[in-house]
Amino acid sequence: WDIQVASFSHKENARTYAKKLQQKGFSDIVLRTKGEITRVVIKNIPANKVAIIEKKLKENGYSDFLVKKSSQK
């Protein structure tokens, strides 16, 4: 599973946001850019850890995120 935590039109803002997530203990953070939008994503979360990561995000003030099935190939 992947959790998209934010999206930005300026890549530098996405980098800053990703660093803040890392400082709060989140890992496997990637930036995905498509066109003008850069998304901040926590990737490859095992199914049994999704609820734990969601709870941790909410506890750290992140409430607007999107959980998606990972598109690994």
C-alpha atoms as a PDB file:
ATOM      1  CA  TRP A   1       0.000   0.000   0.000  1.00  0.00           C
ATOM      2  CA  ASP A   2       0.974   3.626  -0.575  1.00  0.00           C
ATOM      3  CA  ILE A   3      -0.235   6.712   1.261  1.00  0.00           C
ATOM      4  CA  GLN A   4      -0.188  10.017  -0.604  1.00  0.00           C
ATOM      5  CA  VAL A   5       0.237  12.617   2.116  1.00  0.00           C
ATOM      6  CA  ALA A   6       0.366  15.797   0.012  1.00  0.00           C
ATOM      7  CA  SER A   7       0.795  17.230  -3.468  1.00  0.00           C
ATOM      8  CA  PHE A   8       2.465  20.421  -4.603  1.00  0.00           C
ATOM      9  CA  SER A   9       2.896  22.478  -7.748  1.00  0.00           C
ATOM     10  CA  HIS A  10       6.459  23.397  -6.665  1.00  0.00           C
ATOM     11  CA  LYS A  11       8.847  20.480  -6.224  1.00  0.00           C
ATOM     12  CA  GLU A  12      10.904  22.298  -3.572  1.00  0.00           C
ATOM     13  CA  ASN A  13       7.808  22.538  -1.347  1.00  0.00           C
ATOM     14  CA  ALA A  14       7.341  18.780  -1.731  1.00  0.00           C
ATOM     15  CA  ARG A  15      10.976  18.180  -0.725  1.00  0.00           C
ATOM     16  CA  THR A  16      10.566  20.337   2.391  1.00  0.00           C
ATOM     17  CA  TYR A  17       7.363  18.508   3.322  1.00  0.00           C
ATOM     18  CA  ALA A  18       9.032  15.111   2.831  1.00  0.00           C
ATOM     19  CA  LYS A  19      11.901  16.146   5.130  1.00  0.00           C
ATOM     20  CA  LYS A  20       9.392  17.100   7.837  1.00  0.00           C
ATOM     21  CA  LEU A  21       7.764  13.685   7.527  1.00  0.00           C
ATOM     22  CA  GLN A  22      11.166  12.015   7.893  1.00  0.00           C
ATOM     23  CA  GLN A  23      11.907  14.094  10.982  1.00  0.00           C
ATOM     24  CA  LYS A  24       8.672  12.800  12.500  1.00  0.00           C
ATOM     25  CA  GLY A  25       9.810   9.209  11.997  1.00  0.00           C
ATOM     26  CA  PHE A  26       8.206   8.249   8.699  1.00  0.00           C
ATOM     27  CA  SER A  27      10.284   6.340   6.159  1.00  0.00           C
ATOM     28  CA  ASP A  28      10.078   5.106   2.556  1.00  0.00           C
ATOM     29  CA  ILE A  29       9.011   8.569   1.416  1.00  0.00           C
ATOM     30  CA  VAL A  30       9.197   9.270  -2.302  1.00  0.00           C
ATOM     31  CA  LEU A  31       8.380  12.212  -4.524  1.00  0.00           C
ATOM     32  CA  ARG A  32       6.348  11.354  -7.610  1.00  0.00           C
ATOM     33  CA  THR A  33       6.204  14.045 -10.257  1.00  0.00           C
ATOM     34  CA  LYS A  34       3.756  13.981 -13.131  1.00  0.00           C
ATOM     35  CA  GLY A  35       3.416  17.100 -15.202  1.00  0.00           C
ATOM     36  CA  GLU A  36       3.384  20.107 -12.894  1.00  0.00           C
ATOM     37  CA  ILE A  37       2.384  18.196  -9.744  1.00  0.00           C
ATOM     38  CA  THR A  38       4.739  16.516  -7.265  1.00  0.00           C
ATOM     39  CA  ARG A  39       3.181  14.105  -4.797  1.00  0.00           C
ATOM     40  CA  VAL A  40       4.679  13.145  -1.432  1.00  0.00           C
ATOM     41  CA  VAL A  41       4.068   9.426  -0.911  1.00  0.00           C
ATOM     42  CA  ILE A  42       4.908   6.912   1.799  1.00  0.00           C
ATOM     43  CA  LYS A  43       5.396   3.783  -0.281  1.00  0.00           C
ATOM     44  CA  ASN A  44       5.303   0.010   0.047  1.00  0.00           C
ATOM     45  CA  ILE A  45       3.410  -0.247   3.332  1.00  0.00           C
ATOM     46  CA  PRO A  46       2.486  -3.830   4.233  1.00  0.00           C
ATOM     47  CA  ALA A  47      -1.291  -4.318   4.549  1.00  0.00           C
ATOM     48  CA  ASN A  48      -0.979  -5.095   8.262  1.00  0.00           C
ATOM     49  CA  LYS A  49       0.784  -1.736   8.884  1.00  0.00           C
ATOM     50  CA  VAL A  50      -1.557   0.634   7.006  1.00  0.00           C
ATOM     51  CA  ALA A  51      -3.794   1.370  10.020  1.00  0.00           C
ATOM     52  CA  ILE A  52      -0.726   1.983  12.199  1.00  0.00           C
ATOM     53  CA  ILE A  53       0.721   4.500   9.711  1.00  0.00           C
ATOM     54  CA  GLU A  54      -2.680   6.195   9.332  1.00  0.00           C
ATOM     55  CA  LYS A  55      -2.924   6.565  13.109  1.00  0.00           C
ATOM     56  CA  LYS A  56       0.617   7.930  13.333  1.00  0.00           C
ATOM     57  CA  LEU A  57      -0.130  10.452  10.564  1.00  0.00           C
ATOM     58  CA  LYS A  58      -3.265  11.648  12.389  1.00  0.00           C
ATOM     59  CA  GLU A  59      -1.369  11.894  15.695  1.00  0.00           C
ATOM     60  CA  ASN A  60       1.163  14.147  13.944  1.00  0.00           C
ATOM     61  CA  GLY A  61      -1.495  16.453  12.503  1.00  0.00           C
ATOM     62  CA  TYR A  62      -1.801  14.949   9.027  1.00  0.00           C
ATOM     63  CA  SER A  63      -5.463  14.319   8.325  1.00  0.00           C
ATOM     64  CA  ASP A  64      -5.869  14.761   4.581  1.00  0.00           C
ATOM     65  CA  PHE A  65      -4.164  11.797   2.928  1.00  0.00           C
ATOM     66  CA  LEU A  66      -5.012   9.161   0.349  1.00  0.00           C
ATOM     67  CA  VAL A  67      -4.426   5.425   0.810  1.00  0.00           C
ATOM     68  CA  LYS A  68      -3.939   3.510  -2.433  1.00  0.00           C
ATOM     69  CA  LYS A  69      -3.055  -0.022  -3.403  1.00  0.00           C
ATOM     70  CA  SER A  70       0.592  -0.011  -4.451  1.00  0.00           C
ATOM     71  CA  SER A  71       1.129  -0.266  -8.187  1.00  0.00           C
ATOM     72  CA  GLN A  72       4.330  -2.311  -7.949  1.00  0.00           C
ATOM     73  CA  LYS A  73       5.226  -4.425 -10.948  1.00  0.00           C
END
